[in-house]
Protein backbone atom coordinates (compact mmCIF):
# COMPACT_ATOMS: atom_id res chain seq x y z
CA MET A 1 -99.78 -34.66 -120.02
CA LYS A 2 -98.97 -32.99 -116.78
CA SER A 3 -101.67 -34.98 -114.99
CA SER A 4 -100.23 -38.24 -116.35
CA ILE A 5 -96.77 -37.39 -115.02
CA ASN A 6 -98.21 -36.61 -111.61
CA ALA A 7 -100.02 -39.94 -111.54
CA VAL A 8 -96.81 -41.81 -112.37
CA LEU A 9 -94.96 -39.97 -109.64
CA LEU A 10 -97.65 -40.82 -107.10
CA ILE A 11 -97.58 -44.52 -108.01
CA THR A 12 -93.78 -44.59 -107.84
CA ALA A 13 -93.79 -42.94 -104.41
CA ALA A 14 -96.38 -45.42 -103.15
CA LEU A 15 -94.35 -48.40 -104.36
CA TRP A 16 -91.21 -46.97 -102.77
CA LEU A 17 -92.94 -46.48 -99.45
CA THR A 18 -94.36 -50.02 -99.57
CA ALA A 19 -90.92 -51.47 -100.28
CA CYS A 20 -89.43 -49.53 -97.41
CA GLY A 21 -92.17 -50.78 -95.11
CA ASP A 22 -91.52 -54.41 -96.12
CA ASP A 23 -87.77 -53.98 -95.57
CA GLU A 24 -88.33 -52.49 -92.14
CA LYS A 25 -90.77 -55.29 -91.26
CA THR A 26 -88.27 -57.93 -92.35
CA ALA A 27 -85.54 -56.23 -90.33
CA VAL A 28 -87.75 -56.15 -87.24
CA GLU A 29 -88.65 -59.83 -87.64
CA GLN A 30 -84.97 -60.70 -87.97
CA ASN A 31 -84.17 -58.78 -84.82
CA ILE A 32 -86.87 -60.53 -82.76
CA VAL A 33 -85.25 -62.88 -80.22
CA GLN A 34 -87.52 -65.90 -79.80
CA PRO A 35 -87.83 -67.23 -76.20
CA VAL A 36 -87.40 -71.02 -76.04
CA LYS A 37 -87.76 -73.67 -73.37
CA LEU A 38 -84.52 -75.62 -72.91
CA PHE A 39 -83.55 -79.05 -71.62
CA THR A 40 -80.02 -79.87 -70.44
CA ILE A 41 -78.55 -83.24 -71.45
CA PRO A 42 -77.59 -85.04 -68.21
CA SER A 43 -73.99 -86.03 -67.51
CA SER A 44 -72.78 -89.62 -67.21
CA MET A 45 -72.67 -89.23 -63.43
CA GLN A 46 -76.28 -88.13 -63.39
CA LEU A 47 -77.20 -91.08 -65.58
CA THR A 48 -75.60 -93.64 -63.28
CA GLN A 49 -77.19 -92.15 -60.17
CA ARG A 50 -80.75 -92.89 -59.22
CA SER A 51 -82.76 -91.35 -56.39
CA PHE A 52 -85.98 -92.73 -54.97
CA PRO A 53 -88.22 -91.81 -52.04
CA ALA A 54 -87.81 -94.03 -49.01
CA LYS A 55 -89.89 -94.67 -45.92
CA VAL A 56 -88.29 -94.94 -42.50
CA THR A 57 -89.22 -98.12 -40.63
CA ALA A 58 -88.11 -99.63 -37.36
CA ASN A 59 -85.07 -101.88 -37.63
CA LEU A 60 -86.70 -104.16 -35.07
CA GLU A 61 -90.29 -103.88 -33.90
CA ALA A 62 -92.39 -106.16 -31.73
CA ASP A 63 -95.98 -106.12 -30.50
CA LEU A 64 -95.63 -107.50 -26.98
CA SER A 65 -98.41 -109.45 -25.26
CA PHE A 66 -99.06 -111.73 -22.29
CA ARG A 67 -99.33 -115.45 -22.96
CA ILE A 68 -102.25 -115.71 -20.54
CA SER A 69 -105.31 -113.59 -19.79
CA GLY A 70 -105.84 -111.60 -16.61
CA VAL A 71 -106.32 -108.22 -14.96
CA LEU A 72 -103.59 -105.68 -15.63
CA GLU A 73 -102.02 -104.74 -12.29
CA GLN A 74 -99.06 -102.66 -13.52
CA ARG A 75 -99.44 -100.65 -16.74
CA PRO A 76 -96.62 -100.39 -19.29
CA PRO A 77 -94.28 -97.37 -19.40
CA PHE A 78 -95.57 -94.30 -21.19
CA GLN A 79 -95.17 -93.92 -24.92
CA GLY A 80 -91.79 -92.56 -25.96
CA MET A 81 -89.98 -93.94 -22.91
CA LYS A 82 -86.70 -95.79 -23.38
CA VAL A 83 -86.44 -99.23 -21.83
CA LYS A 84 -83.63 -101.73 -21.34
CA GLN A 85 -83.57 -105.41 -22.21
CA GLY A 86 -85.02 -107.45 -19.32
CA GLN A 87 -86.87 -104.49 -17.81
CA LEU A 88 -90.35 -105.25 -16.40
CA LEU A 89 -92.87 -103.57 -18.68
CA ALA A 90 -96.25 -104.73 -17.38
CA LYS A 91 -97.72 -107.13 -14.84
CA LEU A 92 -100.95 -109.10 -14.40
CA GLU A 93 -102.65 -109.73 -11.07
CA PRO A 94 -100.89 -113.04 -10.06
CA LYS A 95 -103.33 -114.41 -7.43
CA ASP A 96 -104.92 -117.06 -9.64
CA ALA A 97 -101.57 -118.19 -11.00
CA LYS A 98 -100.12 -118.45 -7.46
CA ASN A 99 -103.09 -120.50 -6.23
CA ASN A 100 -102.76 -122.84 -9.20
CA LEU A 101 -99.06 -123.26 -8.44
CA LYS A 102 -99.81 -124.22 -4.82
CA ASN A 103 -102.30 -126.86 -5.98
CA ARG A 104 -99.78 -128.33 -8.40
CA GLU A 105 -97.09 -128.37 -5.73
CA ALA A 106 -99.42 -130.30 -3.40
CA ASP A 107 -100.34 -132.76 -6.15
CA TYR A 108 -96.71 -133.33 -6.97
CA GLU A 109 -95.76 -133.86 -3.32
CA LEU A 110 -98.57 -136.40 -2.83
CA THR A 111 -97.80 -138.23 -6.07
CA SER A 112 -94.10 -138.34 -5.19
CA LEU A 113 -94.81 -139.94 -1.80
CA ASP A 114 -97.12 -142.51 -3.41
CA PHE A 115 -94.47 -143.34 -5.99
CA LYS A 116 -91.86 -143.98 -3.27
CA ARG A 117 -94.22 -146.32 -1.45
CA LYS A 118 -95.00 -148.24 -4.61
CA GLN A 119 -91.30 -148.48 -5.34
CA LYS A 120 -90.65 -150.16 -1.99
CA LEU A 121 -93.60 -152.49 -2.41
CA LEU A 122 -92.35 -153.54 -5.82
CA THR A 123 -88.97 -154.54 -4.41
CA LYS A 124 -90.82 -156.80 -1.98
CA LYS A 125 -92.97 -158.09 -4.81
CA LEU A 126 -96.11 -156.96 -3.00
CA ILE A 127 -97.51 -155.12 -6.05
CA SER A 128 -97.47 -155.82 -9.74
CA LYS A 129 -95.20 -154.11 -12.22
CA ALA A 130 -98.28 -152.56 -13.82
CA GLU A 131 -99.24 -150.80 -10.58
CA PHE A 132 -95.73 -149.43 -10.24
CA ASP A 133 -95.73 -148.17 -13.85
CA ALA A 134 -99.03 -146.36 -13.23
CA ALA A 135 -97.57 -144.63 -10.16
CA GLN A 136 -94.49 -143.65 -12.12
CA ALA A 137 -96.62 -142.19 -14.92
CA LYS A 138 -98.66 -140.17 -12.40
CA LEU A 139 -95.45 -138.77 -10.94
CA LYS A 140 -94.23 -137.64 -14.37
CA SER A 141 -97.61 -136.02 -15.08
CA ALA A 142 -97.60 -134.22 -11.72
CA LYS A 143 -94.06 -132.97 -12.38
CA ALA A 144 -95.08 -131.61 -15.80
CA ALA A 145 -98.16 -129.94 -14.31
CA LEU A 146 -95.97 -128.30 -11.64
CA ALA A 147 -93.58 -126.96 -14.26
CA SER A 148 -96.51 -125.62 -16.28
CA ALA A 149 -97.92 -123.85 -13.19
CA LYS A 150 -94.55 -122.18 -12.60
CA ASP A 151 -94.54 -121.02 -16.24
CA GLN A 152 -98.08 -119.68 -15.88
CA LEU A 153 -96.97 -117.57 -12.91
CA SER A 154 -93.99 -116.24 -14.84
CA TYR A 155 -96.32 -115.32 -17.69
CA THR A 156 -97.94 -112.68 -15.46
CA ASN A 157 -94.83 -110.55 -16.00
CA LEU A 158 -93.96 -108.92 -19.34
CA TYR A 159 -90.29 -108.07 -19.92
CA ALA A 160 -88.52 -106.09 -22.65
CA PRO A 161 -86.84 -108.50 -25.10
CA PHE A 162 -84.40 -105.80 -26.29
CA ASP A 163 -83.36 -102.19 -25.68
CA GLY A 164 -85.77 -99.80 -27.35
CA ILE A 165 -88.51 -97.19 -27.17
CA VAL A 166 -92.13 -97.79 -26.27
CA ALA A 167 -93.82 -96.67 -29.48
CA LYS A 168 -97.43 -97.36 -28.52
CA VAL A 169 -99.42 -98.47 -25.46
CA ASN A 170 -102.80 -100.12 -26.01
CA VAL A 171 -104.07 -100.82 -22.44
CA HIS A 172 -104.71 -99.22 -19.05
CA ASN A 173 -104.43 -100.38 -15.44
CA PHE A 174 -107.11 -102.73 -14.07
CA GLN A 175 -108.18 -103.62 -17.58
CA VAL A 176 -108.89 -107.26 -18.38
CA VAL A 177 -106.57 -108.33 -21.17
CA GLY A 178 -106.66 -111.48 -23.21
CA ALA A 179 -103.92 -113.92 -24.08
CA ASN A 180 -101.84 -112.69 -27.04
CA GLN A 181 -103.56 -109.27 -26.98
CA ALA A 182 -101.08 -106.58 -28.03
CA ILE A 183 -100.19 -104.63 -24.90
CA LEU A 184 -97.56 -102.34 -26.37
CA THR A 185 -95.29 -101.87 -29.37
CA LEU A 186 -91.56 -101.80 -28.73
CA GLN A 187 -89.12 -100.48 -31.34
CA LYS A 188 -85.35 -100.70 -31.50
CA ASN A 189 -84.12 -97.09 -31.67
CA ASP A 190 -80.35 -97.17 -32.20
CA THR A 191 -80.74 -98.34 -35.82
CA VAL A 192 -83.42 -97.55 -38.40
CA ASP A 193 -84.38 -99.07 -41.75
CA LEU A 194 -85.26 -97.28 -44.97
CA ALA A 195 -87.50 -99.12 -47.42
CA VAL A 196 -87.37 -98.04 -51.06
CA GLN A 197 -89.23 -99.29 -54.13
CA ILE A 198 -86.96 -99.90 -57.15
CA PRO A 199 -88.70 -99.92 -60.59
CA GLU A 200 -88.58 -103.18 -62.49
CA LEU A 201 -86.67 -101.61 -65.42
CA ILE A 202 -83.77 -100.66 -63.14
CA VAL A 203 -83.75 -104.10 -61.55
CA ALA A 204 -84.02 -105.92 -64.88
CA ASN A 205 -81.46 -103.92 -66.87
CA TYR A 206 -78.86 -102.74 -64.40
CA ILE A 207 -79.01 -104.71 -61.16
CA SER A 208 -78.50 -108.40 -60.52
CA ASN A 209 -78.96 -110.18 -57.21
CA GLU A 210 -75.20 -110.47 -56.77
CA ARG A 211 -74.62 -106.74 -57.31
CA TYR A 212 -76.98 -105.31 -54.73
CA LYS A 213 -74.29 -105.41 -52.04
CA SER A 214 -71.73 -103.63 -54.22
CA ILE A 215 -74.01 -100.67 -55.03
CA LYS A 216 -73.09 -97.56 -53.08
CA ALA A 217 -76.17 -96.04 -51.47
CA THR A 218 -76.68 -92.84 -49.51
CA ALA A 219 -79.67 -91.60 -47.51
CA HIS A 220 -80.75 -87.96 -47.58
CA PHE A 221 -82.90 -86.42 -44.88
CA SER A 222 -83.45 -82.84 -43.78
CA GLY A 223 -80.70 -81.58 -46.07
CA LYS A 224 -78.10 -84.01 -44.70
CA SER A 225 -76.59 -87.21 -46.11
CA PHE A 226 -75.91 -90.46 -44.27
CA PRO A 227 -74.24 -93.74 -45.26
CA VAL A 228 -76.45 -96.82 -45.33
CA SER A 229 -75.89 -100.55 -45.66
CA LEU A 230 -77.97 -103.12 -47.47
CA LYS A 231 -80.20 -105.18 -45.20
CA GLU A 232 -82.38 -107.16 -47.60
CA PHE A 233 -84.04 -107.06 -51.00
CA ALA A 234 -87.19 -108.66 -52.34
CA THR A 235 -87.27 -110.84 -55.44
CA GLN A 236 -91.06 -110.71 -55.61
CA VAL A 237 -92.84 -107.65 -56.97
CA THR A 238 -94.59 -105.40 -54.46
CA THR A 239 -98.35 -105.93 -54.64
CA GLY A 240 -100.08 -103.33 -56.78
CA THR A 241 -96.84 -101.99 -58.28
CA GLN A 242 -94.17 -102.92 -60.78
CA SER A 243 -91.35 -102.38 -58.33
CA TYR A 244 -89.26 -104.35 -55.87
CA GLU A 245 -88.58 -103.40 -52.25
CA VAL A 246 -85.02 -102.90 -51.09
CA VAL A 247 -84.30 -102.19 -47.41
CA TYR A 248 -81.24 -100.34 -46.15
CA SER A 249 -80.15 -99.86 -42.53
CA MET A 250 -78.39 -96.94 -40.90
CA THR A 251 -77.28 -95.88 -37.44
CA GLN A 252 -79.58 -93.36 -35.80
CA PRO A 253 -77.98 -89.93 -36.43
CA LYS A 254 -76.92 -87.85 -33.43
CA HIS A 255 -78.32 -84.52 -34.52
CA VAL A 256 -81.33 -85.71 -36.53
CA THR A 257 -84.18 -87.82 -35.19
CA LEU A 258 -85.52 -90.44 -37.58
CA LEU A 259 -88.78 -92.08 -36.58
CA PRO A 260 -90.78 -94.81 -38.32
CA GLY A 261 -93.18 -93.35 -40.87
CA MET A 262 -90.95 -90.43 -41.85
CA THR A 263 -89.86 -89.99 -45.45
CA ALA A 264 -86.33 -89.75 -46.79
CA GLU A 265 -84.51 -90.22 -50.08
CA ILE A 266 -82.10 -92.95 -51.15
CA THR A 267 -79.53 -92.25 -53.87
CA PHE A 268 -77.45 -95.08 -55.26
CA GLU A 269 -74.91 -95.38 -58.02
CA LEU A 270 -75.38 -98.05 -60.65
CA PRO A 271 -72.38 -100.29 -61.42
CA SER A 272 -69.77 -98.50 -63.56
CA ASP A 273 -69.77 -101.31 -66.13
CA GLN A 274 -73.43 -100.55 -66.78
CA ALA A 275 -72.83 -96.90 -67.70
CA ASN A 276 -72.50 -97.63 -71.42
CA LYS A 277 -75.96 -99.21 -71.38
CA ILE A 278 -77.60 -96.07 -70.05
CA HIS A 279 -78.64 -93.37 -72.50
CA PRO A 280 -80.00 -89.89 -71.81
CA ILE A 281 -83.74 -89.47 -72.08
CA ILE A 282 -84.97 -86.30 -73.78
CA PRO A 283 -88.54 -84.94 -74.07
CA LEU A 284 -90.48 -86.19 -77.09
CA THR A 285 -91.42 -82.58 -77.86
CA SER A 286 -87.79 -81.76 -78.60
CA VAL A 287 -87.55 -84.16 -81.55
CA LEU A 288 -87.99 -82.82 -85.10
CA LYS A 289 -88.36 -85.34 -87.93
CA SER A 290 -87.29 -84.51 -91.47
CA ASP A 291 -89.89 -85.37 -94.13
CA GLU A 292 -87.22 -85.96 -96.80
CA SER A 293 -84.59 -88.11 -95.11
CA GLY A 294 -86.59 -89.44 -92.20
CA HIS A 295 -83.72 -88.61 -89.83
CA SER A 296 -84.51 -87.17 -86.42
CA SER A 297 -83.05 -83.85 -85.34
CA VAL A 298 -83.02 -81.50 -82.39
CA TRP A 299 -82.36 -77.79 -82.01
CA VAL A 300 -79.13 -77.29 -80.04
CA PHE A 301 -78.84 -73.97 -78.21
CA ALA A 302 -75.46 -72.21 -77.96
CA ASP A 303 -74.34 -68.59 -77.84
CA GLY A 304 -77.86 -67.24 -78.19
CA LYS A 305 -78.67 -69.19 -81.37
CA VAL A 306 -80.11 -72.55 -82.32
CA ASN A 307 -78.64 -74.98 -84.82
CA LEU A 308 -80.27 -78.10 -86.20
CA ARG A 309 -78.42 -81.34 -85.43
CA LYS A 310 -79.18 -84.93 -86.40
CA VAL A 311 -79.51 -87.48 -83.60
CA VAL A 312 -79.92 -91.23 -83.31
CA LEU A 313 -82.84 -92.19 -81.07
CA GLY A 314 -83.52 -95.30 -79.02
CA ASN A 315 -86.54 -96.63 -77.18
CA ILE A 316 -89.47 -94.56 -76.00
CA LYS A 317 -89.74 -94.37 -72.20
CA GLU A 318 -92.39 -93.12 -69.82
CA ASN A 319 -90.70 -89.72 -69.50
CA GLY A 320 -89.35 -89.30 -73.04
CA ILE A 321 -87.15 -91.05 -75.57
CA GLU A 322 -83.57 -92.32 -75.44
CA VAL A 323 -80.96 -90.49 -77.50
CA ILE A 324 -78.12 -92.79 -78.52
CA SER A 325 -75.85 -90.24 -80.20
CA GLY A 326 -75.77 -86.71 -81.57
CA VAL A 327 -75.72 -84.69 -78.37
CA SER A 328 -73.26 -84.44 -75.50
CA ALA A 329 -73.61 -84.04 -71.76
CA ASN A 330 -74.57 -80.55 -70.53
CA GLU A 331 -75.64 -79.38 -74.00
CA GLN A 332 -79.04 -77.68 -74.14
CA ILE A 333 -81.80 -78.48 -76.61
CA VAL A 334 -85.15 -76.81 -77.33
CA THR A 335 -88.20 -78.68 -76.04
CA ALA A 336 -91.13 -76.63 -77.35
CA GLY A 337 -92.08 -74.98 -80.64
CA VAL A 338 -89.41 -76.83 -82.61
CA ASN A 339 -91.35 -76.46 -85.88
CA GLU A 340 -91.27 -72.66 -85.64
CA LEU A 341 -87.48 -72.23 -85.60
CA THR A 342 -84.91 -71.72 -88.32
CA ASP A 343 -81.26 -72.64 -88.43
CA GLY A 344 -79.11 -69.92 -86.85
CA GLN A 345 -82.08 -68.07 -85.40
CA ASN A 346 -81.47 -65.81 -82.41
CA VAL A 347 -83.22 -67.13 -79.30
CA LYS A 348 -83.13 -66.68 -75.56
CA PRO A 349 -83.86 -69.14 -72.73
CA LEU A 350 -87.39 -68.87 -71.44
CA LYS A 351 -87.36 -67.86 -67.80
CA TRP A 352 -90.42 -68.56 -65.69
CA GLU A 353 -91.25 -65.77 -63.31
CA ARG A 354 -93.46 -65.93 -60.25
CA GLY A 355 -97.07 -65.37 -61.20
CA VAL A 356 -96.56 -66.28 -64.87
């Protein structure tokens, strides 16, 4: 009898200890604060602003060349040098052009004298009208040849068509250069252009050709912002992309040097009347679907806890899915492990540390 009582007591003690262990385990689980990755719903201002990388290009650039061939007698200025409009940049050896001009001047003088003689003879009816017409035609041809020879001599000099900077020099002194061979590249330096590629969805949904000029755009470079003005926009897609090029112009900053080939960023604000057409895009991993109702939900984080909230979703995009309603700007939602959470569960934002 005594042994039976002891056995009962042992079993009772074991059950009591097991129950205590389960209670403690449950309490520990309830006190565990689950780390979660969060996403902040963008504000309306963030939705109407778009930023894209831009490439700095020359506002005006020209590859300058001689119109005739010859031996380079005076090389262009060194790269990086500033030049003024009308400044002599390079010169060909002019001997051949000068000799050709002398020959044409002699031909013209001789033809002119012959024409005057024929003119007098015609008045005396000593020659036919046909002979006079031939002399007149030769005079016009000689005059044209003389003008062409003068042009050829002027073509031995290469002048700057506008104020700018010599960006590149392709030749050296005493080098034989051909007609239309690029001698140097001249760039206008007081104004620069910024070319940006705008995705087709932005162009199609929010921007019309008439509205480009009304869109406020700002350039960002080296931590500073600069106003820009619209120069031109393409209506044909850029080859190999699904985007359209828009070019803005800006005055060269005083304390920052912008050179062609550098990168910058263009931020522009979409028209205010388009704001209601723009919806926040949230990560697909943040969406939780209910098996019973079929409604979509997200976990909203606030005050260290998560609460399940129904949302209305829109179209799927490249970087997520549109949310039409259910969340507000600046609210935070969970983006990972949404199937492991419970309503009202204690959580903490996941912070990424260096090396993790």
